[in-house]
Amino acid sequence: MTTTEKILARAFEKGQIVPGENVWVKADILMTHDVCGPGTIGIFKNEFGQNAKVHPINIKGFRVLEYVPAFQMPVLFGTDSDTCNAGAFGQFATGIGNTDAGFIMGTGKLLIKVFVLGPTCAGSLKDEIEPL
């Protein structure tokens, strides 16, 4: 399994995932900011009720950055396209929309598709090109 698959398997809580599979993963960290935060909270309150309690997850603003030890391999979702950059620090990180973020606030989980990583080739390589 790739590092990403190992992180998602831990968050899936079943130990094994298959590329192409749809899985419910536990969100360790949800990040939002002043532009998307109000929309996310509005969707959360609309879907889960005005008095609903936020699921116990680590919610951060984008201006609050902290060190996360790589061995923890967290799953981070954020309402910004730059969220993916956090993947450079040993975690799965991807950008999501306000609706997904509101759902995470209510349930602590999100349904994602495990992607297939790696190049695929059709046909054959020319003589002067060697595979990596």
Protein backbone atom coordinates (compact mmCIF):
# COMPACT_ATOMS: atom_id res chain seq x y z
CA MET A 1 0.00 0.00 0.00
CA THR A 2 1.11 3.56 -0.63
CA THR A 3 1.49 6.02 2.27
CA THR A 4 -1.78 7.67 1.26
CA GLU A 5 -3.56 4.31 1.25
CA LYS A 6 -2.14 3.52 4.71
CA ILE A 7 -3.39 6.86 6.07
CA LEU A 8 -6.85 6.36 4.57
CA ALA A 9 -6.99 2.73 5.77
CA ARG A 10 -6.34 3.92 9.34
CA ALA A 11 -9.06 6.55 9.00
CA PHE A 12 -11.40 3.95 7.46
CA GLU A 13 -10.89 1.84 10.59
CA LYS A 14 -10.99 -1.44 8.68
CA GLY A 15 -7.28 -1.77 7.96
CA GLN A 16 -7.52 -2.38 4.21
CA ILE A 17 -8.72 -0.31 1.30
CA VAL A 18 -8.74 -0.87 -2.44
CA PRO A 19 -8.04 1.83 -5.05
CA GLY A 20 -11.30 2.85 -6.72
CA GLU A 21 -13.32 2.00 -3.60
CA ASN A 22 -15.66 4.53 -1.90
CA VAL A 23 -14.92 4.68 1.84
CA TRP A 24 -16.12 6.66 4.85
CA VAL A 25 -13.03 8.16 6.47
CA LYS A 26 -12.76 9.79 9.87
CA ALA A 27 -11.62 13.41 9.67
CA ASP A 28 -8.89 14.26 12.14
CA ILE A 29 -8.69 17.95 11.24
CA LEU A 30 -11.13 20.30 9.51
CA MET A 31 -9.78 23.68 8.47
CA THR A 32 -11.77 26.62 7.20
CA HIS A 33 -11.30 30.37 6.91
CA ASP A 34 -13.18 33.65 7.09
CA VAL A 35 -14.61 33.30 3.56
CA CYS A 36 -15.92 29.71 3.73
CA GLY A 37 -16.42 29.37 7.49
CA PRO A 38 -19.78 31.18 7.69
CA GLY A 39 -21.17 29.17 4.74
CA THR A 40 -19.97 25.92 6.29
CA ILE A 41 -21.55 26.77 9.64
CA GLY A 42 -24.78 27.78 7.87
CA ILE A 43 -24.98 24.45 6.06
CA PHE A 44 -24.18 22.58 9.29
CA LYS A 45 -26.99 24.37 11.18
CA ASN A 46 -29.43 23.96 8.28
CA GLU A 47 -28.81 20.20 7.95
CA PHE A 48 -28.22 19.20 11.57
CA GLY A 49 -30.37 21.77 13.41
CA GLN A 50 -29.81 25.16 15.01
CA ASN A 51 -28.87 23.57 18.35
CA ALA A 52 -26.78 20.70 16.94
CA LYS A 53 -23.42 20.02 18.55
CA VAL A 54 -20.29 19.90 16.40
CA HIS A 55 -18.82 16.41 16.18
CA PRO A 56 -15.64 16.27 18.30
CA ILE A 57 -12.96 16.91 15.66
CA ASN A 58 -10.03 19.27 15.59
CA ILE A 59 -11.26 22.43 13.83
CA LYS A 60 -8.62 24.96 12.85
CA GLY A 61 -8.53 28.29 11.11
CA PHE A 62 -6.01 28.59 8.29
CA ARG A 63 -4.01 31.13 10.26
CA VAL A 64 -3.38 28.62 13.05
CA LEU A 65 -0.65 26.24 11.99
CA GLU A 66 0.91 23.67 14.23
CA TYR A 67 3.33 20.80 13.92
CA VAL A 68 1.68 17.40 13.50
CA PRO A 69 4.07 14.45 14.02
CA ALA A 70 4.24 12.38 10.83
CA PHE A 71 3.65 9.11 12.72
CA GLN A 72 0.13 10.31 13.54
CA MET A 73 -0.68 10.40 9.79
CA PRO A 74 -3.81 12.55 10.13
CA VAL A 75 -6.57 13.07 7.60
CA LEU A 76 -7.08 16.78 7.01
CA PHE A 77 -9.93 18.35 5.05
CA GLY A 78 -10.05 22.07 4.35
CA THR A 79 -12.29 24.53 2.55
CA ASP A 80 -9.47 25.91 0.45
CA SER A 81 -7.66 24.63 -2.63
CA ASP A 82 -4.30 25.15 -0.88
CA THR A 83 -5.19 22.47 1.67
CA CYS A 84 -3.45 19.87 -0.49
CA ASN A 85 -0.08 21.42 0.38
CA ALA A 86 -0.36 19.97 3.88
CA GLY A 87 0.17 16.54 2.31
CA ALA A 88 3.87 17.39 2.16
CA PHE A 89 3.97 16.92 5.94
CA GLY A 90 3.02 13.25 6.16
CA GLN A 91 -0.74 13.51 6.14
CA PHE A 92 -3.62 13.09 3.71
CA ALA A 93 -4.95 16.55 2.91
CA THR A 94 -7.45 17.70 0.33
CA GLY A 95 -9.71 20.64 -0.37
CA ILE A 96 -13.47 20.25 -0.02
CA GLY A 97 -16.56 22.43 -0.38
CA ASN A 98 -18.72 24.01 2.29
CA THR A 99 -21.33 21.25 2.09
CA ASP A 100 -18.73 18.53 2.75
CA ALA A 101 -17.24 20.58 5.59
CA GLY A 102 -20.68 21.04 7.15
CA PHE A 103 -21.23 17.28 6.93
CA ILE A 104 -17.87 16.65 8.66
CA MET A 105 -18.89 19.06 11.43
CA GLY A 106 -22.02 16.99 12.00
CA THR A 107 -20.64 13.46 11.62
CA GLY A 108 -16.86 13.59 11.80
CA LYS A 109 -16.63 11.57 8.57
CA LEU A 110 -16.66 12.03 4.82
CA LEU A 111 -17.26 9.63 1.93
CA ILE A 112 -14.32 9.71 -0.48
CA LYS A 113 -13.13 7.61 -3.41
CA VAL A 114 -9.71 6.03 -2.98
CA PHE A 115 -7.86 7.19 -6.05
CA VAL A 116 -5.61 5.11 -8.27
CA LEU A 117 -2.15 6.63 -8.27
CA GLY A 118 0.51 6.13 -10.89
CA PRO A 119 1.00 6.45 -14.61
CA THR A 120 -0.56 4.05 -17.04
CA CYS A 121 0.74 3.40 -20.54
CA ALA A 122 -1.08 2.05 -23.55
CA GLY A 123 1.01 0.50 -26.28
CA SER A 124 4.78 0.12 -26.08
CA LEU A 125 7.73 2.41 -25.52
CA LYS A 126 10.02 3.38 -28.37
CA ASP A 127 13.54 1.91 -28.29
CA GLU A 128 15.16 5.15 -27.14
CA ILE A 129 12.81 5.51 -24.15
CA GLU A 130 13.49 3.43 -21.06
CA PRO A 131 10.92 2.92 -18.29
CA LEU A 132 11.79 4.39 -14.87
